[in-house]
PDB file of all heavy atoms in Angstrom:
ATOM      1  N   ILE A   1       0.814  -1.217   0.000  1.00  0.00           N
ATOM      2  CA  ILE A   1       0.000   0.000   0.000  1.00  0.00           C
ATOM      3  C   ILE A   1       0.852   1.274   0.000  1.00  0.00           C
ATOM      4  O   ILE A   1       0.322   2.369   0.014  1.00  0.00           O
ATOM      5  CB  ILE A   1      -0.958   0.031   1.213  1.00  0.00           C
ATOM      6  CG1 ILE A   1      -0.182   0.114   2.534  1.00  0.00           C
ATOM      7  CG2 ILE A   1      -1.875  -1.171   1.195  1.00  0.00           C
ATOM      8  CD1 ILE A   1      -1.065   0.243   3.765  1.00  0.00           C
ATOM      9  N   ARG A   2       2.179   1.096  -0.069  1.00  0.00           N
ATOM     10  CA  ARG A   2       3.061   2.258  -0.029  1.00  0.00           C
ATOM     11  C   ARG A   2       3.845   2.473  -1.321  1.00  0.00           C
ATOM     12  O   ARG A   2       4.288   3.582  -1.596  1.00  0.00           O
ATOM     13  CB  ARG A   2       4.082   2.118   1.115  1.00  0.00           C
ATOM     14  CG  ARG A   2       3.490   2.142   2.523  1.00  0.00           C
ATOM     15  CD  ARG A   2       4.575   1.796   3.535  1.00  0.00           C
ATOM     16  NE  ARG A   2       4.118   1.808   4.909  1.00  0.00           N
ATOM     17  CZ  ARG A   2       4.205   2.845   5.735  1.00  0.00           C
ATOM     18  NH1 ARG A   2       4.742   3.980   5.304  1.00  0.00           N
ATOM     19  NH2 ARG A   2       3.775   2.779   6.973  1.00  0.00           N
ATOM     20  N   VAL A   3       4.063   1.401  -2.094  1.00  0.00           N
ATOM     21  CA  VAL A   3       5.023   1.491  -3.199  1.00  0.00           C
ATOM     22  C   VAL A   3       4.324   1.659  -4.544  1.00  0.00           C
ATOM     23  O   VAL A   3       3.106   1.607  -4.649  1.00  0.00           O
ATOM     24  CB  VAL A   3       5.926   0.230  -3.241  1.00  0.00           C
ATOM     25  CG1 VAL A   3       6.771   0.147  -1.990  1.00  0.00           C
ATOM     26  CG2 VAL A   3       5.085  -1.041  -3.404  1.00  0.00           C
ATOM     27  N   SER A   4       5.147   1.815  -5.570  1.00  0.00           N
ATOM     28  CA  SER A   4       4.638   2.041  -6.928  1.00  0.00           C
ATOM     29  C   SER A   4       4.094   0.749  -7.534  1.00  0.00           C
ATOM     30  O   SER A   4       4.299  -0.348  -7.000  1.00  0.00           O
ATOM     31  CB  SER A   4       5.767   2.570  -7.814  1.00  0.00           C
ATOM     32  OG  SER A   4       6.743   1.549  -7.990  1.00  0.00           O
ATOM     33  N   ASN A   5       3.438   0.887  -8.681  1.00  0.00           N
ATOM     34  CA  ASN A   5       2.899  -0.285  -9.377  1.00  0.00           C
ATOM     35  C   ASN A   5       3.987  -1.284  -9.736  1.00  0.00           C
ATOM     36  O   ASN A   5       3.788  -2.498  -9.634  1.00  0.00           O
ATOM     37  CB  ASN A   5       2.160   0.156 -10.653  1.00  0.00           C
ATOM     38  CG  ASN A   5       0.838   0.835 -10.349  1.00  0.00           C
ATOM     39  OD1 ASN A   5       0.207   0.544  -9.333  1.00  0.00           O
ATOM     40  ND2 ASN A   5       0.428   1.748 -11.214  1.00  0.00           N
ATOM     41  N   THR A   6       5.133  -0.782 -10.167  1.00  0.00           N
ATOM     42  CA  THR A   6       6.238  -1.672 -10.539  1.00  0.00           C
ATOM     43  C   THR A   6       6.696  -2.496  -9.343  1.00  0.00           C
ATOM     44  O   THR A   6       6.908  -3.708  -9.451  1.00  0.00           O
ATOM     45  CB  THR A   6       7.424  -0.856 -11.088  1.00  0.00           C
ATOM     46  OG1 THR A   6       6.996  -0.110 -12.227  1.00  0.00           O
ATOM     47  CG2 THR A   6       8.578  -1.765 -11.470  1.00  0.00           C
ATOM     48  N   ALA A   7       6.839  -1.832  -8.205  1.00  0.00           N
ATOM     49  CA  ALA A   7       7.265  -2.540  -7.003  1.00  0.00           C
ATOM     50  C   ALA A   7       6.193  -3.526  -6.527  1.00  0.00           C
ATOM     51  O   ALA A   7       6.501  -4.597  -6.023  1.00  0.00           O
ATOM     52  CB  ALA A   7       7.598  -1.545  -5.901  1.00  0.00           C
ATOM     53  N   ARG A   8       4.923  -3.149  -6.695  1.00  0.00           N
ATOM     54  CA  ARG A   8       3.837  -4.077  -6.330  1.00  0.00           C
ATOM     55  C   ARG A   8       3.912  -5.346  -7.161  1.00  0.00           C
ATOM     56  O   ARG A   8       3.730  -6.458  -6.653  1.00  0.00           O
ATOM     57  CB  ARG A   8       2.480  -3.391  -6.545  1.00  0.00           C
ATOM     58  CG  ARG A   8       2.137  -2.380  -5.497  1.00  0.00           C
ATOM     59  CD  ARG A   8       0.834  -1.666  -5.855  1.00  0.00           C
ATOM     60  NE  ARG A   8       0.705  -0.441  -5.071  1.00  0.00           N
ATOM     61  CZ  ARG A   8       0.108   0.656  -5.484  1.00  0.00           C
ATOM     62  NH1 ARG A   8      -0.421   0.700  -6.686  1.00  0.00           N
ATOM     63  NH2 ARG A   8       0.026   1.709  -4.699  1.00  0.00           N
ATOM     64  N   GLN A   9       4.176  -5.186  -8.438  1.00  0.00           N
ATOM     65  CA  GLN A   9       4.289  -6.349  -9.314  1.00  0.00           C
ATOM     66  C   GLN A   9       5.449  -7.242  -8.893  1.00  0.00           C
ATOM     67  O   GLN A   9       5.357  -8.469  -8.952  1.00  0.00           O
ATOM     68  CB  GLN A   9       4.449  -5.897 -10.758  1.00  0.00           C
ATOM     69  CG  GLN A   9       3.201  -5.240 -11.338  1.00  0.00           C
ATOM     70  CD  GLN A   9       3.457  -4.556 -12.671  1.00  0.00           C
ATOM     71  OE1 GLN A   9       4.534  -4.697 -13.251  1.00  0.00           O
ATOM     72  NE2 GLN A   9       2.477  -3.799 -13.152  1.00  0.00           N
ATOM     73  N   GLU A  10       6.544  -6.600  -8.453  1.00  0.00           N
ATOM     74  CA  GLU A  10       7.694  -7.366  -7.978  1.00  0.00           C
ATOM     75  C   GLU A  10       7.333  -8.158  -6.723  1.00  0.00           C
ATOM     76  O   GLU A  10       7.685  -9.335  -6.586  1.00  0.00           O
ATOM     77  CB  GLU A  10       8.866  -6.422  -7.692  1.00  0.00           C
ATOM     78  CG  GLU A  10      10.116  -7.124  -7.182  1.00  0.00           C
ATOM     79  CD  GLU A  10      10.716  -8.080  -8.180  1.00  0.00           C
ATOM     80  OE1 GLU A  10      10.580  -7.839  -9.401  1.00  0.00           O
ATOM     81  OE2 GLU A  10      11.316  -9.084  -7.750  1.00  0.00           O
ATOM     82  N   LEU A  11       6.615  -7.519  -5.805  1.00  0.00           N
ATOM     83  CA  LEU A  11       6.180  -8.206  -4.590  1.00  0.00           C
ATOM     84  C   LEU A  11       5.225  -9.356  -4.927  1.00  0.00           C
ATOM     85  O   LEU A  11       5.318 -10.448  -4.358  1.00  0.00           O
ATOM     86  CB  LEU A  11       5.489  -7.223  -3.643  1.00  0.00           C
ATOM     87  CG  LEU A  11       6.394  -6.247  -2.903  1.00  0.00           C
ATOM     88  CD1 LEU A  11       5.559  -5.143  -2.260  1.00  0.00           C
ATOM     89  CD2 LEU A  11       7.227  -6.958  -1.856  1.00  0.00           C
ATOM     90  N   GLU A  12       4.327  -9.083  -5.845  1.00  0.00           N
ATOM     91  CA  GLU A  12       3.357 -10.106  -6.270  1.00  0.00           C
ATOM     92  C   GLU A  12       4.083 -11.333  -6.820  1.00  0.00           C
ATOM     93  O   GLU A  12       3.769 -12.476  -6.469  1.00  0.00           O
ATOM     94  CB  GLU A  12       2.437  -9.502  -7.327  1.00  0.00           C
ATOM     95  CG  GLU A  12       1.463 -10.489  -7.946  1.00  0.00           C
ATOM     96  CD  GLU A  12       0.768  -9.877  -9.147  1.00  0.00           C
ATOM     97  OE1 GLU A  12       0.514  -8.656  -9.134  1.00  0.00           O
ATOM     98  OE2 GLU A  12       0.494 -10.631 -10.098  1.00  0.00           O
ATOM     99  N   LYS A  13       5.074 -11.093  -7.672  1.00  0.00           N
ATOM    100  CA  LYS A  13       5.815 -12.189  -8.288  1.00  0.00           C
ATOM    101  C   LYS A  13       6.699 -12.912  -7.264  1.00  0.00           C
ATOM    102  O   LYS A  13       6.720 -14.139  -7.206  1.00  0.00           O
ATOM    103  CB  LYS A  13       6.683 -11.628  -9.426  1.00  0.00           C
ATOM    104  CG  LYS A  13       7.532 -12.677 -10.133  1.00  0.00           C
ATOM    105  CD  LYS A  13       8.264 -12.066 -11.314  1.00  0.00           C
ATOM    106  CE  LYS A  13       9.268 -11.023 -10.871  1.00  0.00           C
ATOM    107  NZ  LYS A  13      10.068 -10.488 -12.012  1.00  0.00           N
ATOM    108  N   ARG A  14       7.403 -12.131  -6.441  1.00  0.00           N
ATOM    109  CA  ARG A  14       8.366 -12.716  -5.510  1.00  0.00           C
ATOM    110  C   ARG A  14       7.686 -13.519  -4.404  1.00  0.00           C
ATOM    111  O   ARG A  14       8.203 -14.541  -3.960  1.00  0.00           O
ATOM    112  CB  ARG A  14       9.216 -11.597  -4.897  1.00  0.00           C
ATOM    113  CG  ARG A  14      10.416 -12.095  -4.111  1.00  0.00           C
ATOM    114  CD  ARG A  14      11.201 -10.906  -3.573  1.00  0.00           C
ATOM    115  NE  ARG A  14      11.760 -10.092  -4.640  1.00  0.00           N
ATOM    116  CZ  ARG A  14      12.921 -10.334  -5.217  1.00  0.00           C
ATOM    117  NH1 ARG A  14      13.636 -11.370  -4.871  1.00  0.00           N
ATOM    118  NH2 ARG A  14      13.371  -9.532  -6.170  1.00  0.00           N
ATOM    119  N   TYR A  15       6.533 -13.052  -3.954  1.00  0.00           N
ATOM    120  CA  TYR A  15       5.882 -13.697  -2.815  1.00  0.00           C
ATOM    121  C   TYR A  15       4.617 -14.463  -3.191  1.00  0.00           C
ATOM    122  O   TYR A  15       3.882 -14.924  -2.320  1.00  0.00           O
ATOM    123  CB  TYR A  15       5.562 -12.653  -1.730  1.00  0.00           C
ATOM    124  CG  TYR A  15       6.826 -12.143  -1.078  1.00  0.00           C
ATOM    125  CD1 TYR A  15       7.463 -11.005  -1.559  1.00  0.00           C
ATOM    126  CD2 TYR A  15       7.404 -12.818  -0.016  1.00  0.00           C
ATOM    127  CE1 TYR A  15       8.640 -10.551  -0.992  1.00  0.00           C
ATOM    128  CE2 TYR A  15       8.578 -12.374   0.565  1.00  0.00           C
ATOM    129  CZ  TYR A  15       9.194 -11.240   0.071  1.00  0.00           C
ATOM    130  OH  TYR A  15      10.363 -10.797   0.642  1.00  0.00           O
ATOM    131  N   GLY A  16       4.359 -14.618  -4.493  1.00  0.00           N
ATOM    132  CA  GLY A  16       3.257 -15.442  -4.941  1.00  0.00           C
ATOM    133  C   GLY A  16       1.897 -14.944  -4.509  1.00  0.00           C
ATOM    134  O   GLY A  16       1.012 -15.734  -4.194  1.00  0.00           O
ATOM    135  N   MET A  17       1.722 -13.633  -4.493  1.00  0.00           N
ATOM    136  CA  MET A  17       0.443 -13.067  -4.078  1.00  0.00           C
ATOM    137  C   MET A  17      -0.489 -12.935  -5.278  1.00  0.00           C
ATOM    138  O   MET A  17      -0.068 -12.593  -6.374  1.00  0.00           O
ATOM    139  CB  MET A  17       0.645 -11.705  -3.427  1.00  0.00           C
ATOM    140  CG  MET A  17       1.540 -11.744  -2.205  1.00  0.00           C
ATOM    141  SD  MET A  17       1.688 -10.119  -1.446  1.00  0.00           S
ATOM    142  CE  MET A  17       0.051  -9.948  -0.741  1.00  0.00           C
ATOM    143  N   ALA A  18      -1.763 -13.216  -5.051  1.00  0.00           N
ATOM    144  CA  ALA A  18      -2.741 -13.120  -6.128  1.00  0.00           C
ATOM    145  C   ALA A  18      -2.886 -11.668  -6.567  1.00  0.00           C
ATOM    146  O   ALA A  18      -2.983 -10.771  -5.731  1.00  0.00           O
ATOM    147  CB  ALA A  18      -4.089 -13.652  -5.648  1.00  0.00           C
ATOM    148  N   PRO A  19      -2.915 -11.410  -7.865  1.00  0.00           N
ATOM    149  CA  PRO A  19      -3.037 -10.035  -8.355  1.00  0.00           C
ATOM    150  C   PRO A  19      -4.261  -9.309  -7.822  1.00  0.00           C
ATOM    151  O   PRO A  19      -4.196  -8.111  -7.539  1.00  0.00           O
ATOM    152  CB  PRO A  19      -3.126 -10.219  -9.878  1.00  0.00           C
ATOM    153  CG  PRO A  19      -2.434 -11.517 -10.139  1.00  0.00           C
ATOM    154  CD  PRO A  19      -2.754 -12.384  -8.956  1.00  0.00           C
ATOM    155  N   ASP A  20      -5.396 -10.042  -7.678  1.00  0.00           N
ATOM    156  CA  ASP A  20      -6.594  -9.349  -7.213  1.00  0.00           C
ATOM    157  C   ASP A  20      -6.432  -8.862  -5.778  1.00  0.00           C
ATOM    158  O   ASP A  20      -6.916  -7.803  -5.396  1.00  0.00           O
ATOM    159  CB  ASP A  20      -7.829 -10.246  -7.334  1.00  0.00           C
ATOM    160  CG  ASP A  20      -7.695 -11.548  -6.565  1.00  0.00           C
ATOM    161  OD1 ASP A  20      -6.565 -11.917  -6.218  1.00  0.00           O
ATOM    162  OD2 ASP A  20      -8.734 -12.201  -6.326  1.00  0.00           O
ATOM    163  N   PHE A  21      -5.694  -9.643  -4.966  1.00  0.00           N
ATOM    164  CA  PHE A  21      -5.463  -9.217  -3.583  1.00  0.00           C
ATOM    165  C   PHE A  21      -4.548  -7.995  -3.545  1.00  0.00           C
ATOM    166  O   PHE A  21      -4.788  -7.035  -2.810  1.00  0.00           O
ATOM    167  CB  PHE A  21      -4.853 -10.362  -2.785  1.00  0.00           C
ATOM    168  CG  PHE A  21      -4.554 -10.005  -1.351  1.00  0.00           C
ATOM    169  CD1 PHE A  21      -5.568  -9.636  -0.485  1.00  0.00           C
ATOM    170  CD2 PHE A  21      -3.250 -10.046  -0.867  1.00  0.00           C
ATOM    171  CE1 PHE A  21      -5.308  -9.305   0.827  1.00  0.00           C
ATOM    172  CE2 PHE A  21      -2.980  -9.725   0.447  1.00  0.00           C
ATOM    173  CZ  PHE A  21      -4.003  -9.354   1.301  1.00  0.00           C
ATOM    174  N   VAL A  22      -3.507  -8.017  -4.374  1.00  0.00           N
ATOM    175  CA  VAL A  22      -2.590  -6.870  -4.450  1.00  0.00           C
ATOM    176  C   VAL A  22      -3.347  -5.628  -4.898  1.00  0.00           C
ATOM    177  O   VAL A  22      -3.185  -4.546  -4.338  1.00  0.00           O
ATOM    178  CB  VAL A  22      -1.432  -7.172  -5.423  1.00  0.00           C
ATOM    179  CG1 VAL A  22      -0.578  -5.933  -5.644  1.00  0.00           C
ATOM    180  CG2 VAL A  22      -0.566  -8.306  -4.891  1.00  0.00           C
ATOM    181  N   ASN A  23      -4.202  -5.782  -5.895  1.00  0.00           N
ATOM    182  CA  ASN A  23      -4.951  -4.637  -6.412  1.00  0.00           C
ATOM    183  C   ASN A  23      -5.921  -4.074  -5.373  1.00  0.00           C
ATOM    184  O   ASN A  23      -6.106  -2.860  -5.276  1.00  0.00           O
ATOM    185  CB  ASN A  23      -5.711  -5.039  -7.673  1.00  0.00           C
ATOM    186  CG  ASN A  23      -4.773  -5.317  -8.833  1.00  0.00           C
ATOM    187  OD1 ASN A  23      -3.651  -4.819  -8.847  1.00  0.00           O
ATOM    188  ND2 ASN A  23      -5.217  -6.130  -9.781  1.00  0.00           N
ATOM    189  N   VAL A  24      -6.545  -4.968  -4.618  1.00  0.00           N
ATOM    190  CA  VAL A  24      -7.472  -4.509  -3.575  1.00  0.00           C
ATOM    191  C   VAL A  24      -6.726  -3.687  -2.539  1.00  0.00           C
ATOM    192  O   VAL A  24      -7.161  -2.603  -2.131  1.00  0.00           O
ATOM    193  CB  VAL A  24      -8.186  -5.709  -2.908  1.00  0.00           C
ATOM    194  CG1 VAL A  24      -8.863  -5.275  -1.616  1.00  0.00           C
ATOM    195  CG2 VAL A  24      -9.220  -6.291  -3.848  1.00  0.00           C
ATOM    196  N   LEU A  25      -5.575  -4.197  -2.113  1.00  0.00           N
ATOM    197  CA  LEU A  25      -4.770  -3.462  -1.125  1.00  0.00           C
ATOM    198  C   LEU A  25      -4.394  -2.084  -1.649  1.00  0.00           C
ATOM    199  O   LEU A  25      -4.553  -1.074  -0.963  1.00  0.00           O
ATOM    200  CB  LEU A  25      -3.502  -4.245  -0.789  1.00  0.00           C
ATOM    201  CG  LEU A  25      -3.612  -5.393   0.214  1.00  0.00           C
ATOM    202  CD1 LEU A  25      -2.286  -6.136   0.289  1.00  0.00           C
ATOM    203  CD2 LEU A  25      -3.997  -4.872   1.584  1.00  0.00           C
ATOM    204  N   ALA A  26      -3.885  -2.073  -2.871  1.00  0.00           N
ATOM    205  CA  ALA A  26      -3.415  -0.810  -3.442  1.00  0.00           C
ATOM    206  C   ALA A  26      -4.556   0.177  -3.622  1.00  0.00           C
ATOM    207  O   ALA A  26      -4.437   1.352  -3.280  1.00  0.00           O
ATOM    208  CB  ALA A  26      -2.725  -1.083  -4.779  1.00  0.00           C
ATOM    209  N   GLN A  27      -5.658  -0.315  -4.163  1.00  0.00           N
ATOM    210  CA  GLN A  27      -6.789   0.580  -4.418  1.00  0.00           C
ATOM    211  C   GLN A  27      -7.334   1.167  -3.122  1.00  0.00           C
ATOM    212  O   GLN A  27      -7.625   2.372  -3.040  1.00  0.00           O
ATOM    213  CB  GLN A  27      -7.905  -0.192  -5.143  1.00  0.00           C
ATOM    214  CG  GLN A  27      -9.101   0.682  -5.507  1.00  0.00           C
ATOM    215  CD  GLN A  27     -10.181  -0.123  -6.218  1.00  0.00           C
ATOM    216  OE1 GLN A  27     -10.006  -1.307  -6.491  1.00  0.00           O
ATOM    217  NE2 GLN A  27     -11.279   0.535  -6.507  1.00  0.00           N
ATOM    218  N   GLU A  28      -7.474   0.340  -2.108  1.00  0.00           N
ATOM    219  CA  GLU A  28      -8.024   0.843  -0.855  1.00  0.00           C
ATOM    220  C   GLU A  28      -7.078   1.847  -0.206  1.00  0.00           C
ATOM    221  O   GLU A  28      -7.512   2.834   0.408  1.00  0.00           O
ATOM    222  CB  GLU A  28      -8.313  -0.318   0.093  1.00  0.00           C
ATOM    223  CG  GLU A  28      -9.466  -1.187  -0.392  1.00  0.00           C
ATOM    224  CD  GLU A  28      -9.951  -2.149   0.666  1.00  0.00           C
ATOM    225  OE1 GLU A  28      -9.411  -2.127   1.787  1.00  0.00           O
ATOM    226  OE2 GLU A  28     -10.872  -2.919   0.372  1.00  0.00           O
ATOM    227  N   ALA A  29      -5.782   1.600  -0.336  1.00  0.00           N
ATOM    228  CA  ALA A  29      -4.818   2.543   0.235  1.00  0.00           C
ATOM    229  C   ALA A  29      -4.876   3.872  -0.501  1.00  0.00           C
ATOM    230  O   ALA A  29      -4.906   4.936   0.123  1.00  0.00           O
ATOM    231  CB  ALA A  29      -3.417   1.957   0.136  1.00  0.00           C
ATOM    232  N   GLU A  30      -4.908   3.799  -1.820  1.00  0.00           N
ATOM    233  CA  GLU A  30      -4.905   5.024  -2.614  1.00  0.00           C
ATOM    234  C   GLU A  30      -6.155   5.853  -2.372  1.00  0.00           C
ATOM    235  O   GLU A  30      -6.145   7.063  -2.498  1.00  0.00           O
ATOM    236  CB  GLU A  30      -4.773   4.659  -4.096  1.00  0.00           C
ATOM    237  CG  GLU A  30      -3.383   4.142  -4.451  1.00  0.00           C
ATOM    238  CD  GLU A  30      -3.376   3.380  -5.762  1.00  0.00           C
ATOM    239  OE1 GLU A  30      -4.445   3.275  -6.393  1.00  0.00           O
ATOM    240  OE2 GLU A  30      -2.293   2.886  -6.137  1.00  0.00           O
ATOM    241  N   ASN A  31      -7.249   5.225  -2.073  1.00  0.00           N
ATOM    242  CA  ASN A  31      -8.502   5.937  -1.822  1.00  0.00           C
ATOM    243  C   ASN A  31      -8.721   6.270  -0.350  1.00  0.00           C
ATOM    244  O   ASN A  31      -9.800   6.684   0.053  1.00  0.00           O
ATOM    245  CB  ASN A  31      -9.686   5.107  -2.332  1.00  0.00           C
ATOM    246  CG  ASN A  31      -9.679   4.958  -3.831  1.00  0.00           C
ATOM    247  OD1 ASN A  31      -9.149   5.819  -4.525  1.00  0.00           O
ATOM    248  ND2 ASN A  31     -10.247   3.879  -4.326  1.00  0.00           N
TER     249      ASN A  31
END
């Protein structure tokens, strides 16, 4: 919820997180 889209994608790939979960976190933080 703190980093850029590029870094989120890196976290998603490195830690095997589902994209929809990452997007929910990011969207809620941004709003």
